[in-house]
Amino acid sequence: MTISGIFTILMYALAPFTWLLVVGSIVVISLHLLAYLRGYQITQHRSRYATILAILIGLSAVAWVPWLTHSTLANVATLFDWVALTAGIVAIFIISLVILHPLSYLISLLREG
């Protein structure tokens, strides 16, 4: 299968969820913009709770990603299956951290003032 064929299949698979991707992107960008306008800098803010929560959400993906794809963890048998599941776990961890880190900064601002 060619790269263009893979992208074509991916675009048809994502088409029903385009509105959800757009709304999610707007929420994440708005959250980051609001935090940035309040003084947020990713290298200076440390949040242990956001990191731990993002790790737990990522690890929980082991249970619900196979369920989401109408499968079970027992069906994850080949090396490619494990690589895909691991990539899903890492992606969910990163998305969770991208959302929770500036959110924890905004919550800490609310607690201070």
C-alpha atoms as a PDB file:
ATOM      1  CA  MET A   1       0.000   0.000   0.000  1.00  0.00           C
ATOM      2  CA  THR A   2       1.313   3.442  -0.867  1.00  0.00           C
ATOM      3  CA  ILE A   3       1.591   6.392   1.494  1.00  0.00           C
ATOM      4  CA  SER A   4      -1.134   8.240  -0.405  1.00  0.00           C
ATOM      5  CA  GLY A   5      -3.400   5.199  -0.036  1.00  0.00           C
ATOM      6  CA  ILE A   6      -2.804   5.167   3.717  1.00  0.00           C
ATOM      7  CA  PHE A   7      -3.613   8.887   3.951  1.00  0.00           C
ATOM      8  CA  THR A   8      -6.775   8.383   1.889  1.00  0.00           C
ATOM      9  CA  ILE A   9      -8.020   5.659   4.235  1.00  0.00           C
ATOM     10  CA  LEU A  10      -7.082   7.780   7.254  1.00  0.00           C
ATOM     11  CA  MET A  11      -8.991  10.790   5.907  1.00  0.00           C
ATOM     12  CA  TYR A  12     -12.128   8.703   5.302  1.00  0.00           C
ATOM     13  CA  ALA A  13     -11.831   7.238   8.812  1.00  0.00           C
ATOM     14  CA  LEU A  14     -11.448  10.684  10.425  1.00  0.00           C
ATOM     15  CA  ALA A  15     -14.146  12.427   8.390  1.00  0.00           C
ATOM     16  CA  PRO A  16     -17.026  11.706  10.824  1.00  0.00           C
ATOM     17  CA  PHE A  17     -14.947  13.056  13.703  1.00  0.00           C
ATOM     18  CA  THR A  18     -13.762  16.275  12.046  1.00  0.00           C
ATOM     19  CA  TRP A  19     -16.120  18.441  14.106  1.00  0.00           C
ATOM     20  CA  LEU A  20     -14.864  16.832  17.314  1.00  0.00           C
ATOM     21  CA  LEU A  21     -11.231  17.431  16.314  1.00  0.00           C
ATOM     22  CA  VAL A  22     -11.976  21.079  15.517  1.00  0.00           C
ATOM     23  CA  VAL A  23     -13.818  21.679  18.811  1.00  0.00           C
ATOM     24  CA  GLY A  24     -11.055  19.940  20.786  1.00  0.00           C
ATOM     25  CA  SER A  25      -8.384  21.982  19.030  1.00  0.00           C
ATOM     26  CA  ILE A  26     -10.237  25.221  19.771  1.00  0.00           C
ATOM     27  CA  VAL A  27     -10.542  24.281  23.457  1.00  0.00           C
ATOM     28  CA  VAL A  28      -6.847  23.381  23.787  1.00  0.00           C
ATOM     29  CA  ILE A  29      -5.670  26.491  21.930  1.00  0.00           C
ATOM     30  CA  SER A  30      -7.987  28.709  23.993  1.00  0.00           C
ATOM     31  CA  LEU A  31      -6.730  27.128  27.216  1.00  0.00           C
ATOM     32  CA  HIS A  32      -3.111  27.701  26.234  1.00  0.00           C
ATOM     33  CA  LEU A  33      -3.819  31.250  25.089  1.00  0.00           C
ATOM     34  CA  LEU A  34      -5.609  32.108  28.339  1.00  0.00           C
ATOM     35  CA  ALA A  35      -2.790  30.609  30.406  1.00  0.00           C
ATOM     36  CA  TYR A  36      -0.164  32.409  28.295  1.00  0.00           C
ATOM     37  CA  LEU A  37      -1.935  35.738  28.778  1.00  0.00           C
ATOM     38  CA  ARG A  38      -1.849  35.099  32.545  1.00  0.00           C
ATOM     39  CA  GLY A  39       1.932  34.527  32.512  1.00  0.00           C
ATOM     40  CA  TYR A  40       2.185  30.778  31.841  1.00  0.00           C
ATOM     41  CA  GLN A  41       5.523  29.480  30.618  1.00  0.00           C
ATOM     42  CA  ILE A  42       5.880  25.763  30.134  1.00  0.00           C
ATOM     43  CA  THR A  43       9.508  25.688  31.286  1.00  0.00           C
ATOM     44  CA  GLN A  44       8.907  27.588  34.522  1.00  0.00           C
ATOM     45  CA  HIS A  45       5.678  26.024  35.784  1.00  0.00           C
ATOM     46  CA  ARG A  46       5.970  22.665  37.542  1.00  0.00           C
ATOM     47  CA  SER A  47       2.923  20.638  38.459  1.00  0.00           C
ATOM     48  CA  ARG A  48       3.476  17.238  39.996  1.00  0.00           C
ATOM     49  CA  TYR A  49      -0.276  16.587  40.127  1.00  0.00           C
ATOM     50  CA  ALA A  50      -0.761  17.296  36.412  1.00  0.00           C
ATOM     51  CA  THR A  51       2.112  14.985  35.516  1.00  0.00           C
ATOM     52  CA  ILE A  52       0.906  12.149  37.757  1.00  0.00           C
ATOM     53  CA  LEU A  53      -2.658  12.502  36.497  1.00  0.00           C
ATOM     54  CA  ALA A  54      -1.464  12.485  32.864  1.00  0.00           C
ATOM     55  CA  ILE A  55       0.569   9.318  33.525  1.00  0.00           C
ATOM     56  CA  LEU A  56      -2.466   7.627  35.107  1.00  0.00           C
ATOM     57  CA  ILE A  57      -4.689   8.634  32.197  1.00  0.00           C
ATOM     58  CA  GLY A  58      -2.084   7.309  29.762  1.00  0.00           C
ATOM     59  CA  LEU A  59      -1.794   4.007  31.627  1.00  0.00           C
ATOM     60  CA  SER A  60      -5.570   3.675  31.778  1.00  0.00           C
ATOM     61  CA  ALA A  61      -5.486   3.586  27.974  1.00  0.00           C
ATOM     62  CA  VAL A  62      -4.292  -0.023  28.228  1.00  0.00           C
ATOM     63  CA  ALA A  63      -7.815  -0.924  29.311  1.00  0.00           C
ATOM     64  CA  TRP A  64     -10.037   1.339  27.217  1.00  0.00           C
ATOM     65  CA  VAL A  65      -8.222   1.711  23.868  1.00  0.00           C
ATOM     66  CA  PRO A  66      -8.825  -1.944  22.906  1.00  0.00           C
ATOM     67  CA  TRP A  67     -12.441  -1.545  24.089  1.00  0.00           C
ATOM     68  CA  LEU A  68     -12.777   1.592  21.949  1.00  0.00           C
ATOM     69  CA  THR A  69     -11.658  -0.356  18.887  1.00  0.00           C
ATOM     70  CA  HIS A  70     -14.136  -3.182  19.668  1.00  0.00           C
ATOM     71  CA  SER A  71     -11.354  -5.526  20.701  1.00  0.00           C
ATOM     72  CA  THR A  72      -9.917  -6.952  23.902  1.00  0.00           C
ATOM     73  CA  LEU A  73      -6.483  -6.884  25.440  1.00  0.00           C
ATOM     74  CA  ALA A  74      -6.223 -10.619  24.655  1.00  0.00           C
ATOM     75  CA  ASN A  75      -6.362  -9.753  20.936  1.00  0.00           C
ATOM     76  CA  VAL A  76      -3.205  -7.647  21.212  1.00  0.00           C
ATOM     77  CA  ALA A  77      -0.899 -10.446  20.138  1.00  0.00           C
ATOM     78  CA  THR A  78       1.546  -9.346  17.463  1.00  0.00           C
ATOM     79  CA  LEU A  79       4.434  -6.933  17.741  1.00  0.00           C
ATOM     80  CA  PHE A  80       2.597  -4.411  15.559  1.00  0.00           C
ATOM     81  CA  ASP A  81      -0.433  -4.577  17.880  1.00  0.00           C
ATOM     82  CA  TRP A  82       1.749  -3.832  20.895  1.00  0.00           C
ATOM     83  CA  VAL A  83       3.494  -0.988  19.064  1.00  0.00           C
ATOM     84  CA  ALA A  84       0.122   0.520  18.115  1.00  0.00           C
ATOM     85  CA  LEU A  85      -1.172   0.189  21.686  1.00  0.00           C
ATOM     86  CA  THR A  86       2.018   1.721  23.080  1.00  0.00           C
ATOM     87  CA  ALA A  87       1.777   4.597  20.591  1.00  0.00           C
ATOM     88  CA  GLY A  88      -1.819   5.167  21.698  1.00  0.00           C
ATOM     89  CA  ILE A  89      -0.764   5.221  25.341  1.00  0.00           C
ATOM     90  CA  VAL A  90       2.014   7.735  24.655  1.00  0.00           C
ATOM     91  CA  ALA A  91      -0.302   9.907  22.549  1.00  0.00           C
ATOM     92  CA  ILE A  92      -2.970   9.944  25.255  1.00  0.00           C
ATOM     93  CA  PHE A  93      -0.330  10.812  27.863  1.00  0.00           C
ATOM     94  CA  ILE A  94       0.936  13.731  25.753  1.00  0.00           C
ATOM     95  CA  ILE A  95      -2.570  15.027  25.019  1.00  0.00           C
ATOM     96  CA  SER A  96      -3.453  14.780  28.710  1.00  0.00           C
ATOM     97  CA  LEU A  97      -0.313  16.645  29.706  1.00  0.00           C
ATOM     98  CA  VAL A  98      -0.913  19.345  27.084  1.00  0.00           C
ATOM     99  CA  ILE A  99      -4.360  19.937  28.584  1.00  0.00           C
ATOM    100  CA  LEU A 100      -3.641  19.451  32.287  1.00  0.00           C
ATOM    101  CA  HIS A 101      -0.389  21.423  32.558  1.00  0.00           C
ATOM    102  CA  PRO A 102      -1.755  24.890  31.661  1.00  0.00           C
ATOM    103  CA  LEU A 103      -4.992  24.042  33.462  1.00  0.00           C
ATOM    104  CA  SER A 104      -3.039  23.363  36.655  1.00  0.00           C
ATOM    105  CA  TYR A 105      -1.317  26.737  36.225  1.00  0.00           C
ATOM    106  CA  LEU A 106      -4.665  28.518  35.941  1.00  0.00           C
ATOM    107  CA  ILE A 107      -6.007  26.647  38.980  1.00  0.00           C
ATOM    108  CA  SER A 108      -2.927  27.627  40.996  1.00  0.00           C
ATOM    109  CA  LEU A 109      -3.554  31.263  40.045  1.00  0.00           C
ATOM    110  CA  LEU A 110      -7.122  30.987  41.319  1.00  0.00           C
ATOM    111  CA  ARG A 111      -5.926  29.555  44.620  1.00  0.00           C
ATOM    112  CA  GLU A 112      -3.359  32.322  45.108  1.00  0.00           C
ATOM    113  CA  GLY A 113      -5.541  35.282  44.375  1.00  0.00           C
END
